[in-house]
N, C-alpha and C. Protein backbone atom coordinates (compact mmCIF):
# COMPACT_ATOMS: atom_id res chain seq x y z
N MET A 1 0.86 -1.18 0.00
CA MET A 1 0.00 0.00 0.00
C MET A 1 0.90 1.24 0.00
N ASP A 2 0.62 2.17 -0.90
CA ASP A 2 1.45 3.36 -1.00
C ASP A 2 1.06 4.39 0.08
N LYS A 3 1.90 5.40 0.23
CA LYS A 3 1.73 6.41 1.28
C LYS A 3 0.41 7.18 1.11
N ARG A 4 0.06 7.54 -0.13
CA ARG A 4 -1.18 8.29 -0.40
C ARG A 4 -2.40 7.49 0.06
N THR A 5 -2.42 6.22 -0.23
CA THR A 5 -3.54 5.37 0.16
C THR A 5 -3.65 5.28 1.68
N LYS A 6 -2.53 5.11 2.36
CA LYS A 6 -2.54 5.06 3.83
C LYS A 6 -3.08 6.35 4.43
N ILE A 7 -2.64 7.47 3.91
CA ILE A 7 -3.11 8.77 4.42
C ILE A 7 -4.61 8.92 4.19
N CYS A 8 -5.07 8.56 3.01
CA CYS A 8 -6.51 8.66 2.71
C CYS A 8 -7.33 7.76 3.63
N ILE A 9 -6.86 6.56 3.86
CA ILE A 9 -7.59 5.64 4.75
C ILE A 9 -7.63 6.19 6.17
N TRP A 10 -6.54 6.77 6.65
CA TRP A 10 -6.53 7.36 7.99
C TRP A 10 -7.48 8.55 8.08
N ILE A 11 -7.50 9.37 7.05
CA ILE A 11 -8.42 10.52 7.04
C ILE A 11 -9.87 10.03 7.08
N ILE A 12 -10.17 8.99 6.31
CA ILE A 12 -11.53 8.44 6.31
C ILE A 12 -11.89 7.89 7.68
N LEU A 13 -11.00 7.13 8.29
CA LEU A 13 -11.28 6.55 9.61
C LEU A 13 -11.44 7.63 10.69
N LEU A 14 -10.57 8.63 10.68
CA LEU A 14 -10.68 9.71 11.66
C LEU A 14 -11.94 10.53 11.43
N GLY A 15 -12.28 10.76 10.17
CA GLY A 15 -13.51 11.49 9.85
C GLY A 15 -14.74 10.74 10.33
N LEU A 16 -14.77 9.44 10.11
CA LEU A 16 -15.90 8.64 10.58
C LEU A 16 -15.97 8.63 12.11
N ALA A 17 -14.82 8.56 12.76
CA ALA A 17 -14.79 8.61 14.23
C ALA A 17 -15.33 9.95 14.74
N ASN A 18 -14.96 11.04 14.09
CA ASN A 18 -15.47 12.35 14.47
C ASN A 18 -16.98 12.42 14.30
N PHE A 19 -17.48 11.86 13.20
CA PHE A 19 -18.92 11.87 12.96
C PHE A 19 -19.66 11.02 13.99
N VAL A 20 -19.12 9.86 14.33
CA VAL A 20 -19.74 9.00 15.35
C VAL A 20 -19.75 9.71 16.70
N ALA A 21 -18.65 10.37 17.05
CA ALA A 21 -18.60 11.13 18.30
C ALA A 21 -19.64 12.24 18.30
N TYR A 22 -19.81 12.91 17.17
CA TYR A 22 -20.80 13.98 17.06
C TYR A 22 -22.21 13.43 17.28
N VAL A 23 -22.53 12.31 16.65
CA VAL A 23 -23.86 11.71 16.78
C VAL A 23 -24.13 11.30 18.22
N ILE A 24 -23.15 10.67 18.85
CA ILE A 24 -23.32 10.24 20.25
C ILE A 24 -23.51 11.44 21.16
N LEU A 25 -22.70 12.49 21.01
CA LEU A 25 -22.83 13.67 21.86
C LEU A 25 -24.09 14.47 21.55
N TYR A 26 -24.51 14.48 20.30
CA TYR A 26 -25.78 15.12 19.93
C TYR A 26 -26.92 14.43 20.67
N TRP A 27 -26.89 13.11 20.68
CA TRP A 27 -27.92 12.33 21.39
C TRP A 27 -27.82 12.57 22.90
N TYR A 28 -26.61 12.56 23.45
CA TYR A 28 -26.40 12.70 24.89
C TYR A 28 -26.88 14.08 25.39
N PHE A 29 -26.56 15.13 24.66
CA PHE A 29 -26.93 16.49 25.07
C PHE A 29 -28.28 16.92 24.51
N TRP A 30 -28.90 16.11 23.70
CA TRP A 30 -30.19 16.42 23.08
C TRP A 30 -30.11 17.65 22.19
N GLY A 31 -29.09 17.73 21.37
CA GLY A 31 -29.03 18.82 20.42
C GLY A 31 -27.64 19.39 20.25
N GLU A 32 -27.60 20.51 19.55
CA GLU A 32 -26.33 21.19 19.30
C GLU A 32 -26.52 22.70 19.41
N ALA A 33 -25.42 23.42 19.49
CA ALA A 33 -25.47 24.84 19.85
C ALA A 33 -25.61 25.79 18.67
N VAL A 34 -25.22 25.40 17.48
CA VAL A 34 -25.27 26.34 16.36
C VAL A 34 -26.70 26.82 16.14
N ASN A 35 -27.66 25.95 16.36
CA ASN A 35 -29.06 26.33 16.23
C ASN A 35 -29.71 26.59 17.58
N GLY A 36 -28.90 26.72 18.61
CA GLY A 36 -29.41 27.01 19.95
C GLY A 36 -29.55 28.50 20.18
N ARG A 37 -29.54 28.87 21.46
CA ARG A 37 -29.69 30.30 21.79
C ARG A 37 -28.99 30.60 23.11
N VAL A 38 -28.66 31.87 23.26
CA VAL A 38 -28.09 32.38 24.50
C VAL A 38 -29.03 33.47 24.99
N GLU A 39 -29.41 33.38 26.26
CA GLU A 39 -30.31 34.36 26.84
C GLU A 39 -29.64 35.03 28.03
N LEU A 40 -29.93 36.31 28.20
CA LEU A 40 -29.46 37.04 29.38
C LEU A 40 -30.62 37.17 30.36
N HIS A 41 -30.45 36.64 31.54
CA HIS A 41 -31.44 36.76 32.61
C HIS A 41 -30.78 37.55 33.74
N ALA A 42 -31.25 38.76 33.93
CA ALA A 42 -30.69 39.63 34.97
C ALA A 42 -29.17 39.73 34.85
N GLY A 43 -28.69 39.87 33.62
CA GLY A 43 -27.26 40.04 33.39
C GLY A 43 -26.46 38.76 33.37
N GLN A 44 -27.10 37.63 33.61
CA GLN A 44 -26.39 36.35 33.61
C GLN A 44 -26.78 35.55 32.37
N ALA A 45 -25.79 35.06 31.64
CA ALA A 45 -26.04 34.32 30.41
C ALA A 45 -26.46 32.89 30.73
N ARG A 46 -27.47 32.42 29.98
CA ARG A 46 -27.91 31.02 30.05
C ARG A 46 -27.85 30.47 28.64
N TYR A 47 -27.38 29.25 28.52
CA TYR A 47 -27.10 28.64 27.22
C TYR A 47 -28.06 27.48 26.97
N PHE A 48 -28.71 27.50 25.81
CA PHE A 48 -29.69 26.48 25.45
C PHE A 48 -29.34 25.88 24.09
N LEU A 49 -29.39 24.58 24.00
CA LEU A 49 -29.25 23.92 22.71
C LEU A 49 -30.54 24.08 21.94
N GLN A 50 -30.56 23.70 20.65
CA GLN A 50 -31.76 23.94 19.86
C GLN A 50 -32.94 23.15 20.37
N SER A 51 -32.73 22.11 21.17
CA SER A 51 -33.83 21.34 21.75
C SER A 51 -34.46 22.05 22.93
N GLY A 52 -33.82 23.11 23.42
CA GLY A 52 -34.32 23.83 24.58
C GLY A 52 -33.66 23.41 25.87
N VAL A 53 -32.78 22.42 25.82
CA VAL A 53 -32.08 21.95 27.01
C VAL A 53 -31.00 22.97 27.40
N GLU A 54 -31.01 23.37 28.68
CA GLU A 54 -30.00 24.31 29.15
C GLU A 54 -28.71 23.55 29.47
N VAL A 55 -27.58 24.12 29.04
CA VAL A 55 -26.28 23.51 29.28
C VAL A 55 -25.32 24.59 29.78
N SER A 56 -24.15 24.15 30.23
CA SER A 56 -23.13 25.11 30.67
C SER A 56 -22.52 25.80 29.45
N ARG A 57 -21.83 26.89 29.72
CA ARG A 57 -21.16 27.63 28.64
C ARG A 57 -20.14 26.75 27.94
N ASP A 58 -19.40 25.96 28.71
CA ASP A 58 -18.38 25.09 28.12
C ASP A 58 -19.00 24.05 27.18
N VAL A 59 -20.10 23.44 27.60
CA VAL A 59 -20.78 22.46 26.75
C VAL A 59 -21.33 23.15 25.50
N PHE A 60 -21.86 24.35 25.66
CA PHE A 60 -22.40 25.09 24.53
C PHE A 60 -21.31 25.38 23.51
N ILE A 61 -20.16 25.86 23.97
CA ILE A 61 -19.06 26.17 23.07
C ILE A 61 -18.52 24.89 22.42
N TYR A 62 -18.35 23.84 23.22
CA TYR A 62 -17.88 22.58 22.65
C TYR A 62 -18.85 22.08 21.57
N SER A 63 -20.13 22.12 21.86
CA SER A 63 -21.13 21.65 20.91
C SER A 63 -21.08 22.45 19.61
N GLY A 64 -20.96 23.76 19.74
CA GLY A 64 -20.87 24.60 18.55
C GLY A 64 -19.63 24.31 17.73
N MET A 65 -18.49 24.16 18.39
CA MET A 65 -17.24 23.90 17.68
C MET A 65 -17.28 22.53 17.01
N HIS A 66 -17.85 21.54 17.69
CA HIS A 66 -17.93 20.21 17.11
C HIS A 66 -18.89 20.20 15.91
N SER A 67 -19.99 20.96 16.01
CA SER A 67 -20.92 21.07 14.88
C SER A 67 -20.23 21.71 13.67
N ILE A 68 -19.44 22.72 13.93
CA ILE A 68 -18.71 23.38 12.85
C ILE A 68 -17.68 22.43 12.23
N SER A 69 -17.03 21.61 13.06
CA SER A 69 -15.98 20.71 12.57
C SER A 69 -16.51 19.59 11.68
N ILE A 70 -17.79 19.32 11.75
CA ILE A 70 -18.35 18.23 10.95
C ILE A 70 -18.21 18.51 9.45
N TRP A 71 -18.43 19.75 9.04
CA TRP A 71 -18.39 20.05 7.59
C TRP A 71 -17.01 19.86 6.99
N PRO A 72 -15.94 20.40 7.56
CA PRO A 72 -14.61 20.10 7.00
C PRO A 72 -14.27 18.61 7.07
N THR A 73 -14.78 17.93 8.11
CA THR A 73 -14.54 16.50 8.22
C THR A 73 -15.20 15.74 7.07
N VAL A 74 -16.44 16.08 6.78
CA VAL A 74 -17.15 15.45 5.67
C VAL A 74 -16.40 15.70 4.36
N ALA A 75 -15.94 16.92 4.17
CA ALA A 75 -15.19 17.24 2.95
C ALA A 75 -13.90 16.43 2.87
N ALA A 76 -13.19 16.32 3.98
CA ALA A 76 -11.93 15.56 3.98
C ALA A 76 -12.18 14.09 3.64
N VAL A 77 -13.25 13.52 4.19
CA VAL A 77 -13.59 12.13 3.88
C VAL A 77 -13.95 11.97 2.41
N MET A 78 -14.79 12.87 1.91
CA MET A 78 -15.20 12.78 0.50
C MET A 78 -14.01 12.97 -0.45
N LEU A 79 -13.14 13.92 -0.15
CA LEU A 79 -11.97 14.13 -1.00
C LEU A 79 -11.00 12.96 -0.92
N SER A 80 -10.89 12.34 0.24
CA SER A 80 -10.03 11.16 0.37
C SER A 80 -10.59 9.99 -0.44
N MET A 81 -11.90 9.79 -0.37
CA MET A 81 -12.52 8.72 -1.16
C MET A 81 -12.38 9.01 -2.65
N LEU A 82 -12.53 10.25 -3.02
CA LEU A 82 -12.37 10.64 -4.43
C LEU A 82 -10.92 10.41 -4.89
N THR A 83 -9.98 10.72 -4.02
CA THR A 83 -8.56 10.51 -4.34
C THR A 83 -8.27 9.02 -4.52
N LEU A 84 -8.84 8.19 -3.64
CA LEU A 84 -8.63 6.75 -3.78
C LEU A 84 -9.24 6.21 -5.08
N ALA A 85 -10.32 6.81 -5.54
CA ALA A 85 -10.99 6.35 -6.76
C ALA A 85 -10.51 7.08 -8.02
N LYS A 86 -9.58 8.02 -7.86
CA LYS A 86 -9.16 8.87 -8.98
C LYS A 86 -8.65 8.06 -10.18
N ASP A 87 -7.79 7.11 -9.93
CA ASP A 87 -7.22 6.34 -11.05
C ASP A 87 -8.30 5.58 -11.81
N GLN A 88 -9.26 5.00 -11.09
CA GLN A 88 -10.35 4.29 -11.75
C GLN A 88 -11.26 5.25 -12.52
N LEU A 89 -11.49 6.43 -11.94
CA LEU A 89 -12.31 7.43 -12.64
C LEU A 89 -11.64 7.87 -13.94
N ILE A 90 -10.38 8.16 -13.86
CA ILE A 90 -9.65 8.63 -15.04
C ILE A 90 -9.62 7.56 -16.11
N ALA A 91 -9.38 6.31 -15.72
CA ALA A 91 -9.30 5.22 -16.68
C ALA A 91 -10.65 4.92 -17.33
N SER A 92 -11.73 5.07 -16.57
CA SER A 92 -13.04 4.70 -17.12
C SER A 92 -13.71 5.82 -17.91
N MET A 93 -13.16 7.01 -17.91
CA MET A 93 -13.82 8.14 -18.57
C MET A 93 -13.00 8.67 -19.76
N ARG A 94 -12.36 7.81 -20.50
CA ARG A 94 -11.55 8.24 -21.64
C ARG A 94 -12.39 8.66 -22.84
N SER A 95 -13.51 7.99 -23.05
CA SER A 95 -14.28 8.26 -24.26
C SER A 95 -15.56 9.06 -24.00
N THR A 96 -15.70 9.61 -22.84
CA THR A 96 -16.90 10.39 -22.52
C THR A 96 -16.69 11.86 -22.86
N LEU A 97 -17.77 12.62 -22.72
CA LEU A 97 -17.74 14.05 -23.03
C LEU A 97 -16.75 14.78 -22.11
N VAL A 98 -16.73 14.40 -20.85
CA VAL A 98 -15.82 15.01 -19.87
C VAL A 98 -14.75 13.99 -19.51
N ARG A 99 -13.52 14.36 -19.63
CA ARG A 99 -12.41 13.48 -19.30
C ARG A 99 -12.35 13.22 -17.79
N GLY A 100 -11.71 12.15 -17.41
CA GLY A 100 -11.62 11.75 -16.00
C GLY A 100 -10.98 12.80 -15.11
N ARG A 101 -9.86 13.35 -15.57
CA ARG A 101 -9.18 14.38 -14.75
C ARG A 101 -10.05 15.61 -14.57
N THR A 102 -10.74 16.01 -15.62
CA THR A 102 -11.63 17.17 -15.55
C THR A 102 -12.78 16.89 -14.59
N PHE A 103 -13.36 15.71 -14.70
CA PHE A 103 -14.45 15.30 -13.82
C PHE A 103 -13.98 15.31 -12.36
N PHE A 104 -12.80 14.75 -12.11
CA PHE A 104 -12.21 14.72 -10.77
C PHE A 104 -12.03 16.14 -10.23
N THR A 105 -11.48 17.01 -11.05
CA THR A 105 -11.25 18.40 -10.64
C THR A 105 -12.56 19.12 -10.35
N ILE A 106 -13.57 18.91 -11.18
CA ILE A 106 -14.87 19.55 -10.97
C ILE A 106 -15.49 19.08 -9.65
N LEU A 107 -15.48 17.75 -9.42
CA LEU A 107 -16.04 17.22 -8.17
C LEU A 107 -15.29 17.75 -6.94
N ALA A 108 -13.99 17.74 -6.99
CA ALA A 108 -13.19 18.22 -5.86
C ALA A 108 -13.47 19.70 -5.59
N THR A 109 -13.60 20.48 -6.65
CA THR A 109 -13.89 21.91 -6.51
C THR A 109 -15.27 22.13 -5.89
N ILE A 110 -16.26 21.38 -6.36
CA ILE A 110 -17.62 21.51 -5.80
C ILE A 110 -17.63 21.14 -4.32
N ILE A 111 -16.96 20.05 -3.97
CA ILE A 111 -16.90 19.62 -2.56
C ILE A 111 -16.23 20.70 -1.72
N ALA A 112 -15.07 21.20 -2.17
CA ALA A 112 -14.34 22.21 -1.40
C ALA A 112 -15.14 23.50 -1.26
N PHE A 113 -15.70 23.99 -2.35
CA PHE A 113 -16.45 25.25 -2.32
C PHE A 113 -17.68 25.13 -1.41
N THR A 114 -18.44 24.07 -1.58
CA THR A 114 -19.64 23.88 -0.77
C THR A 114 -19.30 23.79 0.71
N THR A 115 -18.26 23.06 1.02
CA THR A 115 -17.85 22.91 2.41
C THR A 115 -17.39 24.24 3.02
N ILE A 116 -16.64 25.00 2.26
CA ILE A 116 -16.18 26.30 2.76
C ILE A 116 -17.37 27.20 3.05
N VAL A 117 -18.34 27.24 2.13
CA VAL A 117 -19.52 28.09 2.32
C VAL A 117 -20.31 27.66 3.56
N ILE A 118 -20.58 26.37 3.69
CA ILE A 118 -21.36 25.88 4.83
C ILE A 118 -20.61 26.09 6.14
N THR A 119 -19.31 25.87 6.15
CA THR A 119 -18.52 26.08 7.37
C THR A 119 -18.55 27.54 7.78
N ILE A 120 -18.38 28.44 6.82
CA ILE A 120 -18.44 29.88 7.14
C ILE A 120 -19.82 30.24 7.66
N TRP A 121 -20.87 29.70 7.07
CA TRP A 121 -22.24 29.96 7.52
C TRP A 121 -22.42 29.50 8.98
N PHE A 122 -21.93 28.30 9.30
CA PHE A 122 -22.05 27.79 10.68
C PHE A 122 -21.25 28.66 11.65
N VAL A 123 -20.06 29.09 11.25
CA VAL A 123 -19.25 29.96 12.13
C VAL A 123 -19.98 31.27 12.39
N ILE A 124 -20.56 31.85 11.35
CA ILE A 124 -21.30 33.12 11.52
C ILE A 124 -22.49 32.93 12.44
N GLN A 125 -23.26 31.86 12.23
CA GLN A 125 -24.42 31.59 13.07
C GLN A 125 -24.02 31.40 14.53
N PHE A 126 -22.97 30.63 14.76
CA PHE A 126 -22.52 30.38 16.13
C PHE A 126 -21.99 31.66 16.77
N HIS A 127 -21.26 32.44 16.01
CA HIS A 127 -20.74 33.72 16.54
C HIS A 127 -21.90 34.64 16.93
N ARG A 128 -22.95 34.69 16.11
CA ARG A 128 -24.12 35.50 16.45
C ARG A 128 -24.78 35.03 17.74
N ARG A 129 -24.89 33.73 17.91
CA ARG A 129 -25.51 33.19 19.12
C ARG A 129 -24.74 33.61 20.37
N ILE A 130 -23.42 33.51 20.28
CA ILE A 130 -22.57 33.82 21.45
C ILE A 130 -22.49 35.33 21.70
N SER A 131 -22.32 36.11 20.66
CA SER A 131 -22.05 37.54 20.85
C SER A 131 -23.29 38.41 20.99
N HIS A 132 -24.46 37.89 20.64
CA HIS A 132 -25.69 38.68 20.74
C HIS A 132 -26.78 37.90 21.47
N PRO A 133 -26.60 37.73 22.77
CA PRO A 133 -27.63 37.00 23.52
C PRO A 133 -28.93 37.80 23.60
N ALA A 134 -30.02 37.07 23.66
CA ALA A 134 -31.34 37.71 23.79
C ALA A 134 -31.54 38.08 25.26
N GLU A 135 -31.92 39.34 25.51
CA GLU A 135 -32.15 39.77 26.89
C GLU A 135 -33.59 39.42 27.27
N ILE A 136 -33.73 38.67 28.33
CA ILE A 136 -35.03 38.19 28.79
C ILE A 136 -35.39 38.91 30.08
N HIS A 137 -36.57 39.49 30.12
CA HIS A 137 -37.07 40.15 31.31
C HIS A 137 -38.26 39.34 31.83
N GLY A 138 -38.33 39.20 33.10
CA GLY A 138 -39.46 38.45 33.68
C GLY A 138 -39.05 37.04 34.04
N PRO A 139 -40.03 36.13 34.06
CA PRO A 139 -39.73 34.77 34.50
C PRO A 139 -38.76 34.08 33.54
N GLN A 140 -38.03 33.12 34.09
CA GLN A 140 -37.06 32.39 33.29
C GLN A 140 -37.81 31.55 32.26
N SER A 141 -37.25 31.51 31.06
CA SER A 141 -37.93 30.81 29.97
C SER A 141 -37.81 29.31 30.14
N GLN A 142 -38.77 28.61 29.63
CA GLN A 142 -38.81 27.17 29.61
C GLN A 142 -38.91 26.74 28.15
N PRO A 143 -38.46 25.53 27.83
CA PRO A 143 -38.63 25.05 26.46
C PRO A 143 -40.11 25.00 26.09
N VAL A 144 -40.41 25.38 24.88
CA VAL A 144 -41.78 25.36 24.40
C VAL A 144 -42.08 23.98 23.86
N VAL A 145 -43.15 23.36 24.38
CA VAL A 145 -43.57 22.06 23.89
C VAL A 145 -44.89 22.24 23.18
N MET A 146 -44.92 21.88 21.92
CA MET A 146 -46.14 22.05 21.13
C MET A 146 -46.87 20.70 21.09
N ALA A 147 -48.14 20.73 21.38
CA ALA A 147 -48.95 19.52 21.36
C ALA A 147 -49.71 19.40 20.05
N CYS A 148 -49.79 18.21 19.54
CA CYS A 148 -50.57 17.95 18.33
C CYS A 148 -52.00 17.65 18.73
N ARG A 149 -52.93 18.17 17.97
CA ARG A 149 -54.35 17.91 18.27
C ARG A 149 -54.94 17.06 17.21
């Protein structure tokens, strides 16, 4: 096995491990912070995941950072799998409208661009949550539970 293949396999395994950790922690904390909220109650910040569960500031920040890390991880896994399949793609696309190398470059560019955009979007959303907490006056808020009729 050559060095490139070993590196790609390690990236795939680490990426999958990161995703499994994210799923387990999402389940354990009942949500994530990028879609959560920060509220100010009498000058004190309270942190809520998107499920409405209140967590500590550290858990909120960890959850947000881990949510943000998922997108570059997915891109790294996809690019590694594409790299491993590159030789087969190039060999099988000799007589098509788009050559194998061109197809590979287009796919890699789409993956990279999409991931960069989504990662920046998540960073902006998380930064807004942290830096602009909603000021709450009156009784402390509770998660809203909607009943189906």
